[in-house]
């Protein structure tokens, strides 16, 4: 079985929601969602980035938003910024839940490439702590504290404003050139992440912010879970120009499995078959080259294609790629 390392999942939200049953959700599964240890092993999934994410009171998974996204065109308003004092306890609970999974002995929160390779070789799921939206980081001192706790990947924004920048809305058809660039605090964040070697994740960031990161950062540019705008013109997807900027930095794009970012019509309905997924992969490979393309599932955070319903289905994707 070909092993897969994944660029993005939202599984840890399910662990927090399960409370005392959180470890069991991981170890045994509960018949819901897209990811757990049995399905990861069945699909050859050996590791991935686990997102700490603070939900907005209104988000694209509520009933009204889903109805709008099933019938494009649509342009959902950006949610309001979430205050740090509200975000921090939520992010802390998620980070604590990820460390709790580590105590089961089946998963390791890795902080280096060497540790990642060792965990996989020793049959432990290699988990990278990622933060999707930096609301829980008050300042650069707090960034250092999160780094000491294991944070190795950071998206300055989700699809809403933060003190550091502005995300793109959920909109189709639309481009990512919406809103202003990074704030002064956002520029400081980029520089300090470079010092600490925390990966900056450009998925969800608007185009002006993307360009600011590209200008300021001395690290390869990464969009962990994004698709191709030329195929699906969603505001969340990357234009050919952005793909070329990532390529020129020696960076990487992880293909998002979310149906609404893959489908040419932008509808939030399950994608059928693998043809459209392979079109996105072909375009990414053509621009970025083989070393610049990865997989960023968005498991437990998006509507999956019919034939890629969960982690256990990954061999079907690999067969389609072959």
Protein backbone atom coordinates (compact mmCIF):
# COMPACT_ATOMS: atom_id res chain seq x y z
CA UNK A 1 0.00 0.00 0.00
CA UNK A 2 1.38 3.42 -0.95
CA UNK A 3 1.62 5.65 2.16
CA UNK A 4 -0.03 9.07 2.15
CA UNK A 5 0.94 12.12 4.22
CA UNK A 6 -1.89 14.65 4.31
CA UNK A 7 -1.69 18.45 4.33
CA UNK A 8 -4.83 19.32 6.30
CA UNK A 9 -7.59 17.84 8.46
CA UNK A 10 -10.10 19.20 10.99
CA UNK A 11 -10.46 15.97 12.96
CA UNK A 12 -9.47 17.45 16.32
CA UNK A 13 -12.79 19.34 16.49
CA UNK A 14 -14.56 15.98 16.72
CA UNK A 15 -12.26 14.91 19.54
CA UNK A 16 -13.06 18.05 21.55
CA UNK A 17 -16.80 17.67 20.89
CA UNK A 18 -16.68 14.05 22.11
CA UNK A 19 -15.29 15.05 25.51
CA UNK A 20 -14.26 12.00 27.52
CA UNK A 21 -14.91 9.80 24.47
CA UNK A 22 -12.34 11.71 22.38
CA UNK A 23 -9.66 9.03 22.55
CA UNK A 24 -12.16 6.33 21.62
CA UNK A 25 -13.26 8.35 18.56
CA UNK A 26 -9.64 8.21 17.37
CA UNK A 27 -8.83 4.63 18.36
CA UNK A 28 -12.07 2.94 17.29
CA UNK A 29 -14.09 5.41 15.22
CA UNK A 30 -17.76 6.19 15.75
CA UNK A 31 -19.17 5.78 12.24
CA UNK A 32 -19.15 9.52 11.51
CA UNK A 33 -16.76 11.95 9.88
CA UNK A 34 -13.87 11.13 7.58
CA UNK A 35 -10.93 10.23 9.80
CA UNK A 36 -9.97 7.93 12.66
CA UNK A 37 -7.12 5.48 13.26
CA UNK A 38 -8.79 2.37 11.76
CA UNK A 39 -9.73 4.20 8.56
CA UNK A 40 -6.31 5.87 8.36
CA UNK A 41 -4.62 2.48 8.52
CA UNK A 42 -7.05 1.00 6.01
CA UNK A 43 -6.24 3.80 3.57
CA UNK A 44 -2.49 3.97 4.08
CA UNK A 45 -2.65 7.40 5.73
CA UNK A 46 0.47 7.69 7.88
CA UNK A 47 0.37 11.30 9.05
CA UNK A 48 -0.88 14.80 8.49
CA UNK A 49 -1.43 18.36 9.67
CA UNK A 50 -4.06 18.63 12.44
CA UNK A 51 -5.77 22.03 12.41
CA UNK A 52 -6.65 24.02 15.50
CA UNK A 53 -9.58 26.15 14.32
CA UNK A 54 -12.02 28.42 16.11
CA UNK A 55 -15.48 28.34 14.49
CA UNK A 56 -17.45 31.50 13.79
CA UNK A 57 -21.03 31.77 15.09
CA UNK A 58 -22.09 31.68 11.41
CA UNK A 59 -19.98 29.49 9.13
CA UNK A 60 -20.24 27.80 5.70
CA UNK A 61 -21.54 24.58 7.26
CA UNK A 62 -24.77 26.10 8.60
CA UNK A 63 -28.02 25.22 6.84
CA UNK A 64 -28.58 28.59 5.19
CA UNK A 65 -25.03 28.81 3.82
CA UNK A 66 -25.14 25.25 2.48
CA UNK A 67 -28.34 26.05 0.58
CA UNK A 68 -26.75 29.12 -1.01
CA UNK A 69 -23.60 27.20 -1.97
CA UNK A 70 -25.65 24.50 -3.69
CA UNK A 71 -27.02 27.05 -6.17
CA UNK A 72 -24.29 29.42 -7.46
CA UNK A 73 -23.59 32.22 -7.89
CA UNK A 74 -23.09 33.04 -4.22
CA UNK A 75 -20.98 35.37 -2.11
CA UNK A 76 -21.13 34.68 1.62
CA UNK A 77 -20.17 37.67 3.78
CA UNK A 78 -16.97 37.36 5.77
CA UNK A 79 -17.67 36.51 9.41
CA UNK A 80 -16.65 39.05 12.03
CA UNK A 81 -13.21 38.90 13.57
CA UNK A 82 -13.05 36.75 16.72
CA UNK A 83 -11.45 38.35 19.76
CA UNK A 84 -8.30 36.77 21.12
CA UNK A 85 -9.81 36.23 24.57
CA UNK A 86 -12.62 34.18 23.00
CA UNK A 87 -10.34 32.24 20.64
CA UNK A 88 -7.59 31.25 23.07
CA UNK A 89 -9.55 28.85 25.32
CA UNK A 90 -10.98 27.06 22.28
CA UNK A 91 -7.57 26.67 20.61
CA UNK A 92 -6.05 25.56 23.91
CA UNK A 93 -8.66 22.80 24.30
CA UNK A 94 -7.89 21.57 20.80
CA UNK A 95 -4.14 21.56 21.39
CA UNK A 96 -4.68 19.68 24.66
CA UNK A 97 -6.87 17.14 22.83
CA UNK A 98 -4.14 16.53 20.26
CA UNK A 99 -1.61 15.93 23.05
CA UNK A 100 -4.13 13.59 24.69
CA UNK A 101 -4.18 11.49 21.52
CA UNK A 102 -0.41 11.31 21.73
CA UNK A 103 -0.72 9.61 25.11
CA UNK A 104 -2.54 6.69 23.47
CA UNK A 105 0.81 5.66 21.95
CA UNK A 106 -0.66 5.51 18.43
CA UNK A 107 0.08 9.11 17.42
CA UNK A 108 3.05 11.43 17.85
CA UNK A 109 3.00 15.22 17.63
CA UNK A 110 6.14 15.71 15.54
CA UNK A 111 8.20 18.90 15.48
CA UNK A 112 10.92 18.06 12.96
CA UNK A 113 11.35 16.19 9.69
CA UNK A 114 13.54 13.66 11.49
CA UNK A 115 10.88 13.05 14.11
CA UNK A 116 8.21 12.74 11.43
CA UNK A 117 10.13 10.06 9.56
CA UNK A 118 10.88 8.21 12.81
CA UNK A 119 7.25 8.20 13.91
CA UNK A 120 6.13 6.74 10.59
CA UNK A 121 8.88 4.12 10.63
CA UNK A 122 7.77 3.08 14.13
CA UNK A 123 4.09 2.86 13.05
CA UNK A 124 2.86 5.91 14.94
CA UNK A 125 0.64 8.42 13.15
CA UNK A 126 2.80 11.52 12.55
CA UNK A 127 0.76 14.61 13.50
CA UNK A 128 1.90 18.17 12.82
CA UNK A 129 0.19 20.82 14.96
CA UNK A 130 -1.25 23.49 12.65
CA UNK A 131 -3.30 26.58 13.51
CA UNK A 132 -5.88 27.73 10.94
CA UNK A 133 -6.42 31.39 11.73
CA UNK A 134 -4.11 33.12 14.22
CA UNK A 135 -6.75 34.59 16.54
CA UNK A 136 -5.34 32.62 19.49
CA UNK A 137 -1.91 34.27 19.11
CA UNK A 138 -1.94 37.67 20.84
CA UNK A 139 1.63 38.72 19.99
CA UNK A 140 5.10 37.42 19.12
CA UNK A 141 5.76 36.26 22.68
CA UNK A 142 2.65 34.09 22.42
CA UNK A 143 3.90 32.76 19.06
CA UNK A 144 7.07 31.56 20.79
CA UNK A 145 4.97 29.88 23.48
CA UNK A 146 2.85 28.07 20.89
CA UNK A 147 6.03 27.01 19.10
CA UNK A 148 7.34 25.54 22.36
CA UNK A 149 4.02 23.64 22.66
CA UNK A 150 4.61 22.05 19.24
CA UNK A 151 3.12 24.46 16.68
CA UNK A 152 4.94 24.06 13.36
CA UNK A 153 2.41 25.36 10.81
CA UNK A 154 0.28 28.51 10.87
CA UNK A 155 -2.34 30.00 8.58
CA UNK A 156 -2.59 33.70 9.53
CA UNK A 157 -6.28 33.67 8.62
CA UNK A 158 -9.26 31.44 8.02
CA UNK A 159 -12.00 32.97 5.81
CA UNK A 160 -12.47 36.00 8.05
CA UNK A 161 -10.34 38.96 9.22
CA UNK A 162 -7.77 38.66 12.00
CA UNK A 163 -5.33 41.12 13.54
CA UNK A 164 -2.84 39.85 10.94
CA UNK A 165 -4.72 39.91 7.63
CA UNK A 166 -7.89 39.05 5.80
CA UNK A 167 -9.22 35.80 4.38
CA UNK A 168 -11.20 35.27 1.21
CA UNK A 169 -14.96 34.80 1.47
CA UNK A 170 -16.74 31.69 0.26
CA UNK A 171 -17.76 32.98 -3.16
CA UNK A 172 -18.34 31.59 -6.67
CA UNK A 173 -17.54 32.75 -9.26
CA UNK A 174 -14.95 35.07 -7.73
CA UNK A 175 -11.22 35.64 -7.55
CA UNK A 176 -8.99 35.96 -4.49
CA UNK A 177 -8.28 39.67 -5.05
CA UNK A 178 -10.62 40.74 -2.26
CA UNK A 179 -9.55 42.97 0.62
CA UNK A 180 -6.35 44.52 1.92
CA UNK A 181 -2.96 42.96 2.56
CA UNK A 182 -1.27 42.00 5.80
CA UNK A 183 -1.44 44.39 8.72
CA UNK A 184 1.79 45.58 10.40
CA UNK A 185 1.27 42.79 12.96
CA UNK A 186 0.86 40.36 10.07
CA UNK A 187 4.18 41.37 8.57
CA UNK A 188 5.82 40.88 11.97
CA UNK A 189 4.17 37.45 12.18
CA UNK A 190 5.68 36.38 8.85
CA UNK A 191 9.16 37.45 9.90
CA UNK A 192 8.94 35.71 13.28
CA UNK A 193 7.58 32.49 11.74
CA UNK A 194 10.63 32.49 9.47
CA UNK A 195 12.90 32.81 12.52
CA UNK A 196 11.14 29.94 14.30
CA UNK A 197 10.77 27.84 11.10
CA UNK A 198 7.00 27.70 11.47
CA UNK A 199 5.47 26.98 8.06
CA UNK A 200 3.14 29.72 6.78
CA UNK A 201 0.02 28.30 5.16
CA UNK A 202 -1.49 30.49 2.42
CA UNK A 203 -4.78 28.61 2.00
CA UNK A 204 -7.68 30.98 2.90
CA UNK A 205 -5.48 34.11 2.60
CA UNK A 206 -6.60 36.76 0.12
CA UNK A 207 -4.42 37.73 -2.86
CA UNK A 208 -2.99 40.92 -1.35
CA UNK A 209 -1.97 39.01 1.77
CA UNK A 210 -0.55 36.19 -0.36
CA UNK A 211 1.64 38.72 -2.20
CA UNK A 212 2.81 40.25 1.09
CA UNK A 213 3.88 36.83 2.40
CA UNK A 214 5.63 36.07 -0.89
CA UNK A 215 7.56 39.35 -0.65
CA UNK A 216 8.49 39.03 3.03
CA UNK A 217 9.09 35.32 3.59
CA UNK A 218 12.41 33.59 3.04
CA UNK A 219 10.79 30.13 3.16
CA UNK A 220 9.12 28.09 0.41
CA UNK A 221 5.48 29.13 -0.01
CA UNK A 222 2.83 26.54 0.87
CA UNK A 223 -0.94 26.35 0.36
CA UNK A 224 -1.85 23.21 2.27
CA UNK A 225 -5.39 22.63 0.95
CA UNK A 226 -6.30 24.53 -2.20
CA UNK A 227 -7.44 23.82 -5.78
CA UNK A 228 -7.01 25.39 -9.22
CA UNK A 229 -8.94 28.60 -9.96
CA UNK A 230 -8.70 28.09 -13.73
CA UNK A 231 -10.83 24.92 -13.36
CA UNK A 232 -13.11 25.99 -10.49
CA UNK A 233 -13.30 29.80 -10.14
CA UNK A 234 -13.92 29.86 -6.40
CA UNK A 235 -12.40 32.66 -4.34
CA UNK A 236 -10.71 29.94 -2.27
CA UNK A 237 -8.73 28.57 -5.21
CA UNK A 238 -5.34 29.65 -6.53
CA UNK A 239 -4.87 31.50 -9.81
CA UNK A 240 -2.17 30.43 -12.26
CA UNK A 241 -0.14 33.49 -11.24
CA UNK A 242 -0.26 32.42 -7.58
CA UNK A 243 0.73 28.88 -8.56
CA UNK A 244 3.72 30.25 -10.45
CA UNK A 245 4.80 32.37 -7.45
CA UNK A 246 4.63 29.26 -5.24
CA UNK A 247 6.61 27.30 -7.85
CA UNK A 248 9.31 29.98 -8.05
CA UNK A 249 9.75 29.83 -4.26
CA UNK A 250 10.29 26.07 -4.32
CA UNK A 251 6.97 25.64 -2.52
CA UNK A 252 4.03 23.27 -2.60
CA UNK A 253 0.24 23.10 -3.01
CA UNK A 254 -1.82 20.36 -1.39
CA UNK A 255 -4.93 19.43 -3.39
CA UNK A 256 -8.13 19.99 -1.41
CA UNK A 257 -10.74 17.21 -1.77
CA UNK A 258 -13.67 19.55 -0.99
CA UNK A 259 -16.26 18.98 -3.72
CA UNK A 260 -17.22 22.66 -4.00
CA UNK A 261 -13.60 23.68 -4.71
CA UNK A 262 -13.16 20.89 -7.27
CA UNK A 263 -16.43 21.05 -9.24
CA UNK A 264 -16.34 23.34 -12.27
CA UNK A 265 -19.83 24.59 -11.42
CA UNK A 266 -18.82 25.43 -7.83
CA UNK A 267 -21.83 23.64 -6.32
CA UNK A 268 -21.59 22.29 -2.79
CA UNK A 269 -22.73 18.85 -3.91
CA UNK A 270 -20.75 15.59 -3.89
CA UNK A 271 -18.38 15.26 -6.83
CA UNK A 272 -18.78 12.05 -8.83
CA UNK A 273 -15.79 10.17 -10.19
CA UNK A 274 -12.12 11.10 -10.30
CA UNK A 275 -11.89 12.88 -13.66
CA UNK A 276 -12.21 16.38 -12.21
CA UNK A 277 -9.74 15.63 -9.40
CA UNK A 278 -7.23 14.42 -11.97
CA UNK A 279 -7.73 17.60 -14.04
CA UNK A 280 -6.77 19.68 -10.98
CA UNK A 281 -3.77 17.45 -10.31
CA UNK A 282 -2.65 17.64 -13.94
CA UNK A 283 -2.80 21.44 -13.87
CA UNK A 284 -0.90 21.60 -10.57
CA UNK A 285 1.75 19.22 -11.90
CA UNK A 286 2.07 21.20 -15.13
CA UNK A 287 2.77 24.44 -13.25
CA UNK A 288 4.54 23.28 -10.08
CA UNK A 289 6.22 20.02 -11.06
CA UNK A 290 6.01 16.75 -9.16
CA UNK A 291 7.88 18.03 -6.08
CA UNK A 292 5.48 20.97 -5.80
CA UNK A 293 2.23 19.01 -5.48
CA UNK A 294 0.82 17.27 -2.42
CA UNK A 295 -2.55 16.20 -1.01
CA UNK A 296 -4.50 18.31 1.48
CA UNK A 297 -7.73 16.45 2.10
CA UNK A 298 -9.67 18.80 4.42
CA UNK A 299 -11.07 15.64 6.05
CA UNK A 300 -13.71 16.48 8.66
CA UNK A 301 -13.87 20.03 7.36
CA UNK A 302 -15.57 19.77 3.97
CA UNK A 303 -17.97 17.80 1.78
CA UNK A 304 -16.01 14.92 0.22
CA UNK A 305 -16.40 13.44 -3.29
CA UNK A 306 -18.53 10.29 -3.51
CA UNK A 307 -15.59 7.99 -4.30
CA UNK A 308 -13.35 9.63 -1.69
CA UNK A 309 -15.72 9.54 1.25
CA UNK A 310 -13.10 9.10 3.99
CA UNK A 311 -9.49 8.15 4.70
CA UNK A 312 -10.12 4.48 3.97
CA UNK A 313 -10.87 5.39 0.32
CA UNK A 314 -7.39 6.78 -0.40
CA UNK A 315 -6.30 3.66 -2.36
CA UNK A 316 -9.06 4.44 -4.89
CA UNK A 317 -7.53 7.89 -5.47
CA UNK A 318 -4.09 6.34 -5.89
CA UNK A 319 -5.44 3.84 -8.40
CA UNK A 320 -7.03 6.68 -10.37
CA UNK A 321 -3.70 8.55 -10.34
CA UNK A 322 -1.89 5.42 -11.54
